[in-house]
Amino acid sequence: TATYLSSVEFIGYLFAALILLYGGWRVANGELSTGTFISFIGTLF
């Protein structure tokens, strides 16, 4: 049970990092508003 929860948590952080990287790049280029991006991250969690 503990290993399962730990594995799921790790995958979550890994993909969250990818989304932060891609989303942050789009915010810097003006494709996405800051509020939308932060709200997306909050909703994602």
PDB file of all heavy atoms in Angstrom:
ATOM      1  N   THR A   1       0.838  -1.208   0.000  1.00  0.00           N
ATOM      2  CA  THR A   1       0.000   0.000   0.000  1.00  0.00           C
ATOM      3  C   THR A   1       0.864   1.245   0.000  1.00  0.00           C
ATOM      4  O   THR A   1       0.629   2.188  -0.766  1.00  0.00           O
ATOM      5  CB  THR A   1      -0.928   0.004   1.237  1.00  0.00           C
ATOM      6  OG1 THR A   1      -1.743  -1.161   1.211  1.00  0.00           O
ATOM      7  CG2 THR A   1      -1.835   1.227   1.220  1.00  0.00           C
ATOM      8  N   ALA A   2       1.888   1.268   0.876  1.00  0.00           N
ATOM      9  CA  ALA A   2       2.779   2.436   0.975  1.00  0.00           C
ATOM     10  C   ALA A   2       3.567   2.638  -0.319  1.00  0.00           C
ATOM     11  O   ALA A   2       3.720   3.777  -0.800  1.00  0.00           O
ATOM     12  CB  ALA A   2       3.737   2.252   2.152  1.00  0.00           C
ATOM     13  N   THR A   3       4.058   1.537  -0.900  1.00  0.00           N
ATOM     14  CA  THR A   3       4.821   1.627  -2.158  1.00  0.00           C
ATOM     15  C   THR A   3       3.932   2.128  -3.292  1.00  0.00           C
ATOM     16  O   THR A   3       4.357   2.922  -4.134  1.00  0.00           O
ATOM     17  CB  THR A   3       5.413   0.255  -2.526  1.00  0.00           C
ATOM     18  OG1 THR A   3       6.115  -0.273  -1.411  1.00  0.00           O
ATOM     19  CG2 THR A   3       6.379   0.374  -3.698  1.00  0.00           C
ATOM     20  N   TYR A   4       2.698   1.659  -3.288  1.00  0.00           N
ATOM     21  CA  TYR A   4       1.735   2.111  -4.302  1.00  0.00           C
ATOM     22  C   TYR A   4       1.515   3.622  -4.205  1.00  0.00           C
ATOM     23  O   TYR A   4       1.602   4.343  -5.208  1.00  0.00           O
ATOM     24  CB  TYR A   4       0.414   1.371  -4.110  1.00  0.00           C
ATOM     25  CG  TYR A   4      -0.767   2.025  -4.785  1.00  0.00           C
ATOM     26  CD1 TYR A   4      -0.920   1.972  -6.171  1.00  0.00           C
ATOM     27  CD2 TYR A   4      -1.714   2.721  -4.045  1.00  0.00           C
ATOM     28  CE1 TYR A   4      -1.993   2.590  -6.794  1.00  0.00           C
ATOM     29  CE2 TYR A   4      -2.784   3.338  -4.659  1.00  0.00           C
ATOM     30  CZ  TYR A   4      -2.922   3.268  -6.024  1.00  0.00           C
ATOM     31  OH  TYR A   4      -3.972   3.888  -6.631  1.00  0.00           O
ATOM     32  N   LEU A   5       1.248   4.111  -2.995  1.00  0.00           N
ATOM     33  CA  LEU A   5       1.000   5.543  -2.801  1.00  0.00           C
ATOM     34  C   LEU A   5       2.233   6.367  -3.168  1.00  0.00           C
ATOM     35  O   LEU A   5       2.121   7.433  -3.772  1.00  0.00           O
ATOM     36  CB  LEU A   5       0.597   5.815  -1.344  1.00  0.00           C
ATOM     37  CG  LEU A   5      -0.747   5.219  -0.896  1.00  0.00           C
ATOM     38  CD1 LEU A   5      -0.958   5.453   0.593  1.00  0.00           C
ATOM     39  CD2 LEU A   5      -1.888   5.831  -1.690  1.00  0.00           C
ATOM     40  N   SER A   6       3.411   5.856  -2.801  1.00  0.00           N
ATOM     41  CA  SER A   6       4.652   6.553  -3.107  1.00  0.00           C
ATOM     42  C   SER A   6       4.884   6.632  -4.624  1.00  0.00           C
ATOM     43  O   SER A   6       5.304   7.667  -5.152  1.00  0.00           O
ATOM     44  CB  SER A   6       5.822   5.835  -2.427  1.00  0.00           C
ATOM     45  OG  SER A   6       7.033   6.486  -2.701  1.00  0.00           O
ATOM     46  N   SER A   7       4.598   5.539  -5.340  1.00  0.00           N
ATOM     47  CA  SER A   7       4.783   5.505  -6.800  1.00  0.00           C
ATOM     48  C   SER A   7       3.855   6.504  -7.493  1.00  0.00           C
ATOM     49  O   SER A   7       4.265   7.227  -8.402  1.00  0.00           O
ATOM     50  CB  SER A   7       4.510   4.092  -7.323  1.00  0.00           C
ATOM     51  OG  SER A   7       5.344   3.152  -6.711  1.00  0.00           O
ATOM     52  N   VAL A   8       2.586   6.508  -7.060  1.00  0.00           N
ATOM     53  CA  VAL A   8       1.614   7.443  -7.632  1.00  0.00           C
ATOM     54  C   VAL A   8       2.046   8.884  -7.378  1.00  0.00           C
ATOM     55  O   VAL A   8       1.955   9.745  -8.262  1.00  0.00           O
ATOM     56  CB  VAL A   8       0.206   7.168  -7.047  1.00  0.00           C
ATOM     57  CG1 VAL A   8      -0.770   8.271  -7.445  1.00  0.00           C
ATOM     58  CG2 VAL A   8      -0.310   5.825  -7.523  1.00  0.00           C
ATOM     59  N   GLU A   9       2.526   9.142  -6.157  1.00  0.00           N
ATOM     60  CA  GLU A   9       2.969  10.498  -5.784  1.00  0.00           C
ATOM     61  C   GLU A   9       4.139  10.938  -6.662  1.00  0.00           C
ATOM     62  O   GLU A   9       4.189  12.070  -7.149  1.00  0.00           O
ATOM     63  CB  GLU A   9       3.379  10.495  -4.313  1.00  0.00           C
ATOM     64  CG  GLU A   9       3.520  11.864  -3.689  1.00  0.00           C
ATOM     65  CD  GLU A   9       2.189  12.430  -3.232  1.00  0.00           C
ATOM     66  OE1 GLU A   9       1.211  11.690  -3.156  1.00  0.00           O
ATOM     67  OE2 GLU A   9       2.149  13.643  -2.971  1.00  0.00           O
ATOM     68  N   PHE A  10       5.098  10.027  -6.873  1.00  0.00           N
ATOM     69  CA  PHE A  10       6.277  10.365  -7.663  1.00  0.00           C
ATOM     70  C   PHE A  10       5.902  10.691  -9.106  1.00  0.00           C
ATOM     71  O   PHE A  10       6.409  11.665  -9.698  1.00  0.00           O
ATOM     72  CB  PHE A  10       7.273   9.201  -7.627  1.00  0.00           C
ATOM     73  CG  PHE A  10       8.483   9.418  -8.490  1.00  0.00           C
ATOM     74  CD1 PHE A  10       9.479  10.304  -8.116  1.00  0.00           C
ATOM     75  CD2 PHE A  10       8.607   8.759  -9.706  1.00  0.00           C
ATOM     76  CE1 PHE A  10      10.587  10.523  -8.929  1.00  0.00           C
ATOM     77  CE2 PHE A  10       9.701   8.966 -10.523  1.00  0.00           C
ATOM     78  CZ  PHE A  10      10.701   9.852 -10.132  1.00  0.00           C
ATOM     79  N   ILE A  11       5.033   9.874  -9.697  1.00  0.00           N
ATOM     80  CA  ILE A  11       4.580  10.132 -11.076  1.00  0.00           C
ATOM     81  C   ILE A  11       3.872  11.476 -11.159  1.00  0.00           C
ATOM     82  O   ILE A  11       4.032  12.241 -12.120  1.00  0.00           O
ATOM     83  CB  ILE A  11       3.659   8.989 -11.553  1.00  0.00           C
ATOM     84  CG1 ILE A  11       4.488   7.724 -11.795  1.00  0.00           C
ATOM     85  CG2 ILE A  11       2.917   9.364 -12.830  1.00  0.00           C
ATOM     86  CD1 ILE A  11       3.683   6.498 -12.114  1.00  0.00           C
ATOM     87  N   GLY A  12       3.093  11.795 -10.111  1.00  0.00           N
ATOM     88  CA  GLY A  12       2.396  13.085 -10.069  1.00  0.00           C
ATOM     89  C   GLY A  12       3.366  14.258 -10.105  1.00  0.00           C
ATOM     90  O   GLY A  12       3.175  15.216 -10.863  1.00  0.00           O
ATOM     91  N   TYR A  13       4.423  14.169  -9.294  1.00  0.00           N
ATOM     92  CA  TYR A  13       5.415  15.252  -9.272  1.00  0.00           C
ATOM     93  C   TYR A  13       6.163  15.355 -10.599  1.00  0.00           C
ATOM     94  O   TYR A  13       6.477  16.449 -11.072  1.00  0.00           O
ATOM     95  CB  TYR A  13       6.416  15.023  -8.131  1.00  0.00           C
ATOM     96  CG  TYR A  13       5.913  15.508  -6.794  1.00  0.00           C
ATOM     97  CD1 TYR A  13       5.473  14.619  -5.828  1.00  0.00           C
ATOM     98  CD2 TYR A  13       5.857  16.876  -6.504  1.00  0.00           C
ATOM     99  CE1 TYR A  13       4.994  15.062  -4.602  1.00  0.00           C
ATOM    100  CE2 TYR A  13       5.390  17.326  -5.290  1.00  0.00           C
ATOM    101  CZ  TYR A  13       4.965  16.425  -4.337  1.00  0.00           C
ATOM    102  OH  TYR A  13       4.493  16.865  -3.134  1.00  0.00           O
ATOM    103  N   LEU A  14       6.443  14.206 -11.197  1.00  0.00           N
ATOM    104  CA  LEU A  14       7.174  14.194 -12.470  1.00  0.00           C
ATOM    105  C   LEU A  14       6.391  14.918 -13.565  1.00  0.00           C
ATOM    106  O   LEU A  14       6.925  15.789 -14.263  1.00  0.00           O
ATOM    107  CB  LEU A  14       7.443  12.736 -12.875  1.00  0.00           C
ATOM    108  CG  LEU A  14       8.234  12.518 -14.161  1.00  0.00           C
ATOM    109  CD1 LEU A  14       9.646  13.064 -14.015  1.00  0.00           C
ATOM    110  CD2 LEU A  14       8.280  11.030 -14.514  1.00  0.00           C
ATOM    111  N   PHE A  15       5.099  14.569 -13.695  1.00  0.00           N
ATOM    112  CA  PHE A  15       4.291  15.199 -14.726  1.00  0.00           C
ATOM    113  C   PHE A  15       3.923  16.639 -14.375  1.00  0.00           C
ATOM    114  O   PHE A  15       3.755  17.473 -15.259  1.00  0.00           O
ATOM    115  CB  PHE A  15       3.037  14.360 -15.000  1.00  0.00           C
ATOM    116  CG  PHE A  15       3.293  13.204 -15.910  1.00  0.00           C
ATOM    117  CD1 PHE A  15       3.653  11.971 -15.399  1.00  0.00           C
ATOM    118  CD2 PHE A  15       3.212  13.348 -17.289  1.00  0.00           C
ATOM    119  CE1 PHE A  15       3.914  10.897 -16.238  1.00  0.00           C
ATOM    120  CE2 PHE A  15       3.469  12.292 -18.134  1.00  0.00           C
ATOM    121  CZ  PHE A  15       3.819  11.054 -17.616  1.00  0.00           C
ATOM    122  N   ALA A  16       3.831  16.935 -13.077  1.00  0.00           N
ATOM    123  CA  ALA A  16       3.603  18.329 -12.657  1.00  0.00           C
ATOM    124  C   ALA A  16       4.781  19.206 -13.076  1.00  0.00           C
ATOM    125  O   ALA A  16       4.597  20.355 -13.516  1.00  0.00           O
ATOM    126  CB  ALA A  16       3.403  18.399 -11.148  1.00  0.00           C
ATOM    127  N   ALA A  17       5.984  18.657 -12.986  1.00  0.00           N
ATOM    128  CA  ALA A  17       7.183  19.401 -13.403  1.00  0.00           C
ATOM    129  C   ALA A  17       7.148  19.697 -14.906  1.00  0.00           C
ATOM    130  O   ALA A  17       7.477  20.810 -15.349  1.00  0.00           O
ATOM    131  CB  ALA A  17       8.432  18.606 -13.045  1.00  0.00           C
ATOM    132  N   LEU A  18       6.722  18.693 -15.699  1.00  0.00           N
ATOM    133  CA  LEU A  18       6.620  18.884 -17.145  1.00  0.00           C
ATOM    134  C   LEU A  18       5.577  19.948 -17.492  1.00  0.00           C
ATOM    135  O   LEU A  18       5.794  20.797 -18.372  1.00  0.00           O
ATOM    136  CB  LEU A  18       6.262  17.558 -17.824  1.00  0.00           C
ATOM    137  CG  LEU A  18       7.332  16.459 -17.817  1.00  0.00           C
ATOM    138  CD1 LEU A  18       6.763  15.168 -18.383  1.00  0.00           C
ATOM    139  CD2 LEU A  18       8.557  16.900 -18.610  1.00  0.00           C
ATOM    140  N   ILE A  19       4.436  19.908 -16.780  1.00  0.00           N
ATOM    141  CA  ILE A  19       3.372  20.885 -17.032  1.00  0.00           C
ATOM    142  C   ILE A  19       3.814  22.290 -16.634  1.00  0.00           C
ATOM    143  O   ILE A  19       3.533  23.270 -17.332  1.00  0.00           O
ATOM    144  CB  ILE A  19       2.091  20.456 -16.281  1.00  0.00           C
ATOM    145  CG1 ILE A  19       1.498  19.211 -16.952  1.00  0.00           C
ATOM    146  CG2 ILE A  19       1.054  21.577 -16.267  1.00  0.00           C
ATOM    147  CD1 ILE A  19       0.392  18.542 -16.175  1.00  0.00           C
ATOM    148  N   LEU A  20       4.536  22.389 -15.501  1.00  0.00           N
ATOM    149  CA  LEU A  20       5.063  23.694 -15.076  1.00  0.00           C
ATOM    150  C   LEU A  20       6.045  24.258 -16.103  1.00  0.00           C
ATOM    151  O   LEU A  20       6.039  25.456 -16.410  1.00  0.00           O
ATOM    152  CB  LEU A  20       5.756  23.558 -13.714  1.00  0.00           C
ATOM    153  CG  LEU A  20       4.855  23.468 -12.489  1.00  0.00           C
ATOM    154  CD1 LEU A  20       5.666  23.067 -11.258  1.00  0.00           C
ATOM    155  CD2 LEU A  20       4.152  24.805 -12.245  1.00  0.00           C
ATOM    156  N   LEU A  21       6.867  23.374 -16.637  1.00  0.00           N
ATOM    157  CA  LEU A  21       7.861  23.804 -17.630  1.00  0.00           C
ATOM    158  C   LEU A  21       7.182  24.305 -18.898  1.00  0.00           C
ATOM    159  O   LEU A  21       7.476  25.409 -19.390  1.00  0.00           O
ATOM    160  CB  LEU A  21       8.788  22.630 -17.949  1.00  0.00           C
ATOM    161  CG  LEU A  21       9.977  22.924 -18.872  1.00  0.00           C
ATOM    162  CD1 LEU A  21      10.953  23.877 -18.201  1.00  0.00           C
ATOM    163  CD2 LEU A  21      10.691  21.627 -19.239  1.00  0.00           C
ATOM    164  N   TYR A  22       6.243  23.509 -19.426  1.00  0.00           N
ATOM    165  CA  TYR A  22       5.548  23.871 -20.662  1.00  0.00           C
ATOM    166  C   TYR A  22       4.627  25.076 -20.452  1.00  0.00           C
ATOM    167  O   TYR A  22       4.610  26.020 -21.253  1.00  0.00           O
ATOM    168  CB  TYR A  22       4.741  22.663 -21.145  1.00  0.00           C
ATOM    169  CG  TYR A  22       3.900  22.943 -22.375  1.00  0.00           C
ATOM    170  CD1 TYR A  22       4.483  23.368 -23.578  1.00  0.00           C
ATOM    171  CD2 TYR A  22       2.516  22.766 -22.331  1.00  0.00           C
ATOM    172  CE1 TYR A  22       3.701  23.625 -24.697  1.00  0.00           C
ATOM    173  CE2 TYR A  22       1.732  23.010 -23.448  1.00  0.00           C
ATOM    174  CZ  TYR A  22       2.323  23.442 -24.625  1.00  0.00           C
ATOM    175  OH  TYR A  22       1.549  23.697 -25.739  1.00  0.00           O
ATOM    176  N   GLY A  23       3.875  25.058 -19.340  1.00  0.00           N
ATOM    177  CA  GLY A  23       2.961  26.168 -19.058  1.00  0.00           C
ATOM    178  C   GLY A  23       3.701  27.460 -18.783  1.00  0.00           C
ATOM    179  O   GLY A  23       3.271  28.539 -19.230  1.00  0.00           O
ATOM    180  N   GLY A  24       4.799  27.383 -18.035  1.00  0.00           N
ATOM    181  CA  GLY A  24       5.604  28.576 -17.739  1.00  0.00           C
ATOM    182  C   GLY A  24       6.162  29.206 -19.005  1.00  0.00           C
ATOM    183  O   GLY A  24       6.208  30.440 -19.148  1.00  0.00           O
ATOM    184  N   TRP A  25       6.563  28.339 -19.939  1.00  0.00           N
ATOM    185  CA  TRP A  25       7.087  28.838 -21.229  1.00  0.00           C
ATOM    186  C   TRP A  25       5.995  29.572 -22.001  1.00  0.00           C
ATOM    187  O   TRP A  25       6.239  30.628 -22.600  1.00  0.00           O
ATOM    188  CB  TRP A  25       7.606  27.638 -22.029  1.00  0.00           C
ATOM    189  CG  TRP A  25       8.075  27.995 -23.407  1.00  0.00           C
ATOM    190  CD1 TRP A  25       9.249  28.579 -23.751  1.00  0.00           C
ATOM    191  CD2 TRP A  25       7.344  27.788 -24.632  1.00  0.00           C
ATOM    192  NE1 TRP A  25       9.327  28.762 -25.120  1.00  0.00           N
ATOM    193  CE2 TRP A  25       8.176  28.289 -25.690  1.00  0.00           C
ATOM    194  CE3 TRP A  25       6.110  27.237 -24.944  1.00  0.00           C
ATOM    195  CZ2 TRP A  25       7.774  28.238 -27.023  1.00  0.00           C
ATOM    196  CZ3 TRP A  25       5.724  27.188 -26.265  1.00  0.00           C
ATOM    197  CH2 TRP A  25       6.535  27.688 -27.281  1.00  0.00           C
ATOM    198  N   ARG A  26       4.770  29.060 -21.958  1.00  0.00           N
ATOM    199  CA  ARG A  26       3.658  29.706 -22.671  1.00  0.00           C
ATOM    200  C   ARG A  26       3.256  31.031 -22.016  1.00  0.00           C
ATOM    201  O   ARG A  26       2.879  31.985 -22.687  1.00  0.00           O
ATOM    202  CB  ARG A  26       2.462  28.748 -22.731  1.00  0.00           C
ATOM    203  CG  ARG A  26       2.712  27.570 -23.668  1.00  0.00           C
ATOM    204  CD  ARG A  26       1.519  26.656 -23.738  1.00  0.00           C
ATOM    205  NE  ARG A  26       0.356  27.339 -24.275  1.00  0.00           N
ATOM    206  CZ  ARG A  26      -0.894  26.932 -24.145  1.00  0.00           C
ATOM    207  NH1 ARG A  26      -1.137  25.829 -23.451  1.00  0.00           N
ATOM    208  NH2 ARG A  26      -1.881  27.602 -24.668  1.00  0.00           N
ATOM    209  N   VAL A  27       3.328  31.085 -20.678  1.00  0.00           N
ATOM    210  CA  VAL A  27       3.034  32.349 -19.975  1.00  0.00           C
ATOM    211  C   VAL A  27       4.079  33.401 -20.349  1.00  0.00           C
ATOM    212  O   VAL A  27       3.750  34.575 -20.613  1.00  0.00           O
ATOM    213  CB  VAL A  27       3.012  32.129 -18.437  1.00  0.00           C
ATOM    214  CG1 VAL A  27       2.953  33.471 -17.703  1.00  0.00           C
ATOM    215  CG2 VAL A  27       1.812  31.278 -18.036  1.00  0.00           C
ATOM    216  N   ALA A  28       5.357  32.983 -20.394  1.00  0.00           N
ATOM    217  CA  ALA A  28       6.446  33.919 -20.744  1.00  0.00           C
ATOM    218  C   ALA A  28       6.290  34.444 -22.164  1.00  0.00           C
ATOM    219  O   ALA A  28       6.643  35.602 -22.455  1.00  0.00           O
ATOM    220  CB  ALA A  28       7.785  33.204 -20.592  1.00  0.00           C
ATOM    221  N   ASN A  29       5.705  33.623 -23.057  1.00  0.00           N
ATOM    222  CA  ASN A  29       5.498  34.049 -24.447  1.00  0.00           C
ATOM    223  C   ASN A  29       4.165  34.754 -24.663  1.00  0.00           C
ATOM    224  O   ASN A  29       3.820  35.103 -25.797  1.00  0.00           O
ATOM    225  CB  ASN A  29       5.579  32.840 -25.392  1.00  0.00           C
ATOM    226  CG  ASN A  29       7.006  32.322 -25.531  1.00  0.00           C
ATOM    227  OD1 ASN A  29       7.972  33.048 -25.286  1.00  0.00           O
ATOM    228  ND2 ASN A  29       7.138  31.057 -25.908  1.00  0.00           N
ATOM    229  N   GLY A  30       3.380  34.915 -23.580  1.00  0.00           N
ATOM    230  CA  GLY A  30       2.111  35.642 -23.678  1.00  0.00           C
ATOM    231  C   GLY A  30       0.962  34.823 -24.228  1.00  0.00           C
ATOM    232  O   GLY A  30      -0.095  35.376 -24.547  1.00  0.00           O
ATOM    233  N   GLU A  31       1.122  33.507 -24.358  1.00  0.00           N
ATOM    234  CA  GLU A  31       0.039  32.657 -24.862  1.00  0.00           C
ATOM    235  C   GLU A  31      -1.008  32.347 -23.794  1.00  0.00           C
ATOM    236  O   GLU A  31      -2.131  31.953 -24.099  1.00  0.00           O
ATOM    237  CB  GLU A  31       0.615  31.329 -25.379  1.00  0.00           C
ATOM    238  CG  GLU A  31       1.471  31.455 -26.621  1.00  0.00           C
ATOM    239  CD  GLU A  31       1.960  30.096 -27.095  1.00  0.00           C
ATOM    240  OE1 GLU A  31       1.277  29.083 -26.796  1.00  0.00           O
ATOM    241  OE2 GLU A  31       3.015  30.020 -27.752  1.00  0.00           O
ATOM    242  N   LEU A  32      -0.620  32.497 -22.522  1.00  0.00           N
ATOM    243  CA  LEU A  32      -1.462  32.088 -21.398  1.00  0.00           C
ATOM    244  C   LEU A  32      -1.369  33.143 -20.306  1.00  0.00           C
ATOM    245  O   LEU A  32      -0.275  33.654 -20.025  1.00  0.00           O
ATOM    246  CB  LEU A  32      -0.953  30.737 -20.865  1.00  0.00           C
ATOM    247  CG  LEU A  32      -1.906  29.829 -20.112  1.00  0.00           C
ATOM    248  CD1 LEU A  32      -3.076  29.403 -21.001  1.00  0.00           C
ATOM    249  CD2 LEU A  32      -1.171  28.597 -19.602  1.00  0.00           C
ATOM    250  N   SER A  33      -2.529  33.497 -19.688  1.00  0.00           N
ATOM    251  CA  SER A  33      -2.488  34.486 -18.602  1.00  0.00           C
ATOM    252  C   SER A  33      -1.965  33.831 -17.331  1.00  0.00           C
ATOM    253  O   SER A  33      -2.097  32.617 -17.139  1.00  0.00           O
ATOM    254  CB  SER A  33      -3.881  35.063 -18.347  1.00  0.00           C
ATOM    255  OG  SER A  33      -4.709  34.117 -17.699  1.00  0.00           O
ATOM    256  N   THR A  34      -1.390  34.636 -16.458  1.00  0.00           N
ATOM    257  CA  THR A  34      -0.839  34.121 -15.193  1.00  0.00           C
ATOM    258  C   THR A  34      -1.925  33.478 -14.344  1.00  0.00           C
ATOM    259  O   THR A  34      -1.738  32.407 -13.772  1.00  0.00           O
ATOM    260  CB  THR A  34      -0.184  35.272 -14.397  1.00  0.00           C
ATOM    261  OG1 THR A  34       0.781  35.913 -15.217  1.00  0.00           O
ATOM    262  CG2 THR A  34       0.488  34.749 -13.135  1.00  0.00           C
ATOM    263  N   GLY A  35      -3.100  34.156 -14.261  1.00  0.00           N
ATOM    264  CA  GLY A  35      -4.212  33.637 -13.461  1.00  0.00           C
ATOM    265  C   GLY A  35      -4.690  32.288 -13.955  1.00  0.00           C
ATOM    266  O   GLY A  35      -4.946  31.380 -13.165  1.00  0.00           O
ATOM    267  N   THR A  36      -4.814  32.160 -15.293  1.00  0.00           N
ATOM    268  CA  THR A  36      -5.266  30.888 -15.873  1.00  0.00           C
ATOM    269  C   THR A  36      -4.273  29.769 -15.577  1.00  0.00           C
ATOM    270  O   THR A  36      -4.663  28.655 -15.209  1.00  0.00           O
ATOM    271  CB  THR A  36      -5.444  31.023 -17.395  1.00  0.00           C
ATOM    272  OG1 THR A  36      -6.420  32.033 -17.659  1.00  0.00           O
ATOM    273  CG2 THR A  36      -5.908  29.708 -18.020  1.00  0.00           C
ATOM    274  N   PHE A  37      -2.981  30.083 -15.720  1.00  0.00           N
ATOM    275  CA  PHE A  37      -1.954  29.067 -15.498  1.00  0.00           C
ATOM    276  C   PHE A  37      -1.925  28.605 -14.037  1.00  0.00           C
ATOM    277  O   PHE A  37      -1.906  27.399 -13.757  1.00  0.00           O
ATOM    278  CB  PHE A  37      -0.577  29.621 -15.899  1.00  0.00           C
ATOM    279  CG  PHE A  37       0.544  28.640 -15.686  1.00  0.00           C
ATOM    280  CD1 PHE A  37       0.508  27.386 -16.273  1.00  0.00           C
ATOM    281  CD2 PHE A  37       1.634  28.970 -14.892  1.00  0.00           C
ATOM    282  CE1 PHE A  37       1.541  26.469 -16.078  1.00  0.00           C
ATOM    283  CE2 PHE A  37       2.660  28.065 -14.694  1.00  0.00           C
ATOM    284  CZ  PHE A  37       2.614  26.819 -15.287  1.00  0.00           C
ATOM    285  N   ILE A  38      -1.947  29.558 -13.110  1.00  0.00           N
ATOM    286  CA  ILE A  38      -1.917  29.196 -11.681  1.00  0.00           C
ATOM    287  C   ILE A  38      -3.187  28.439 -11.302  1.00  0.00           C
ATOM    288  O   ILE A  38      -3.150  27.466 -10.547  1.00  0.00           O
ATOM    289  CB  ILE A  38      -1.733  30.456 -10.806  1.00  0.00           C
ATOM    290  CG1 ILE A  38      -0.328  31.029 -11.031  1.00  0.00           C
ATOM    291  CG2 ILE A  38      -1.936  30.129  -9.326  1.00  0.00           C
ATOM    292  CD1 ILE A  38      -0.056  32.322 -10.325  1.00  0.00           C
ATOM    293  N   SER A  39      -4.329  28.869 -11.827  1.00  0.00           N
ATOM    294  CA  SER A  39      -5.588  28.176 -11.548  1.00  0.00           C
ATOM    295  C   SER A  39      -5.573  26.765 -12.123  1.00  0.00           C
ATOM    296  O   SER A  39      -6.117  25.827 -11.525  1.00  0.00           O
ATOM    297  CB  SER A  39      -6.764  28.957 -12.141  1.00  0.00           C
ATOM    298  OG  SER A  39      -6.868  30.226 -11.534  1.00  0.00           O
ATOM    299  N   PHE A  40      -4.970  26.614 -13.318  1.00  0.00           N
ATOM    300  CA  PHE A  40      -4.849  25.283 -13.925  1.00  0.00           C
ATOM    301  C   PHE A  40      -4.041  24.360 -13.021  1.00  0.00           C
ATOM    302  O   PHE A  40      -4.434  23.213 -12.780  1.00  0.00           O
ATOM    303  CB  PHE A  40      -4.185  25.392 -15.305  1.00  0.00           C
ATOM    304  CG  PHE A  40      -4.115  24.083 -16.045  1.00  0.00           C
ATOM    305  CD1 PHE A  40      -5.113  23.716 -16.934  1.00  0.00           C
ATOM    306  CD2 PHE A  40      -3.058  23.210 -15.838  1.00  0.00           C
ATOM    307  CE1 PHE A  40      -5.058  22.501 -17.596  1.00  0.00           C
ATOM    308  CE2 PHE A  40      -2.995  21.996 -16.498  1.00  0.00           C
ATOM    309  CZ  PHE A  40      -4.003  21.641 -17.387  1.00  0.00           C
ATOM    310  N   ILE A  41      -2.909  24.878 -12.512  1.00  0.00           N
ATOM    311  CA  ILE A  41      -2.058  24.073 -11.628  1.00  0.00           C
ATOM    312  C   ILE A  41      -2.821  23.689 -10.358  1.00  0.00           C
ATOM    313  O   ILE A  41      -2.787  22.538  -9.909  1.00  0.00           O
ATOM    314  CB  ILE A  41      -0.765  24.835 -11.266  1.00  0.00           C
ATOM    315  CG1 ILE A  41       0.090  25.068 -12.517  1.00  0.00           C
ATOM    316  CG2 ILE A  41       0.039  24.082 -10.204  1.00  0.00           C
ATOM    317  CD1 ILE A  41       0.574  23.808 -13.184  1.00  0.00           C
ATOM    318  N   GLY A  42      -3.527  24.677  -9.771  1.00  0.00           N
ATOM    319  CA  GLY A  42      -4.307  24.399  -8.556  1.00  0.00           C
ATOM    320  C   GLY A  42      -5.385  23.366  -8.805  1.00  0.00           C
ATOM    321  O   GLY A  42      -5.575  22.437  -8.009  1.00  0.00           O
ATOM    322  N   THR A  43      -6.092  23.493  -9.927  1.00  0.00           N
ATOM    323  CA  THR A  43      -7.149  22.537 -10.290  1.00  0.00           C
ATOM    324  C   THR A  43      -6.555  21.157 -10.571  1.00  0.00           C
ATOM    325  O   THR A  43      -7.144  20.127 -10.212  1.00  0.00           O
ATOM    326  CB  THR A  43      -7.915  23.029 -11.536  1.00  0.00           C
ATOM    327  OG1 THR A  43      -8.367  24.355 -11.311  1.00  0.00           O
ATOM    328  CG2 THR A  43      -9.108  22.145 -11.836  1.00  0.00           C
ATOM    329  N   LEU A  44      -5.388  21.156 -11.194  1.00  0.00           N
ATOM    330  CA  LEU A  44      -4.711  19.899 -11.507  1.00  0.00           C
ATOM    331  C   LEU A  44      -4.379  19.119 -10.238  1.00  0.00           C
ATOM    332  O   LEU A  44      -4.588  17.900 -10.162  1.00  0.00           O
ATOM    333  CB  LEU A  44      -3.428  20.179 -12.300  1.00  0.00           C
ATOM    334  CG  LEU A  44      -2.668  18.956 -12.831  1.00  0.00           C
ATOM    335  CD1 LEU A  44      -3.511  18.211 -13.847  1.00  0.00           C
ATOM    336  CD2 LEU A  44      -1.352  19.381 -13.446  1.00  0.00           C
ATOM    337  N   PHE A  45      -3.884  19.822  -9.215  1.00  0.00           N
ATOM    338  CA  PHE A  45      -3.568  19.149  -7.955  1.00  0.00           C
ATOM    339  C   PHE A  45      -4.829  18.645  -7.267  1.00  0.00           C
ATOM    340  O   PHE A  45      -4.834  17.579  -6.642  1.00  0.00           O
ATOM    341  CB  PHE A  45      -2.788  20.079  -7.025  1.00  0.00           C
ATOM    342  CG  PHE A  45      -1.314  20.142  -7.344  1.00  0.00           C
ATOM    343  CD1 PHE A  45      -0.725  21.294  -7.813  1.00  0.00           C
ATOM    344  CD2 PHE A  45      -0.517  19.016  -7.179  1.00  0.00           C
ATOM    345  CE1 PHE A  45       0.627  21.340  -8.122  1.00  0.00           C
ATOM    346  CE2 PHE A  45       0.838  19.043  -7.479  1.00  0.00           C
ATOM    347  CZ  PHE A  45       1.419  20.204  -7.950  1.00  0.00           C
TER     348      PHE A  45
END
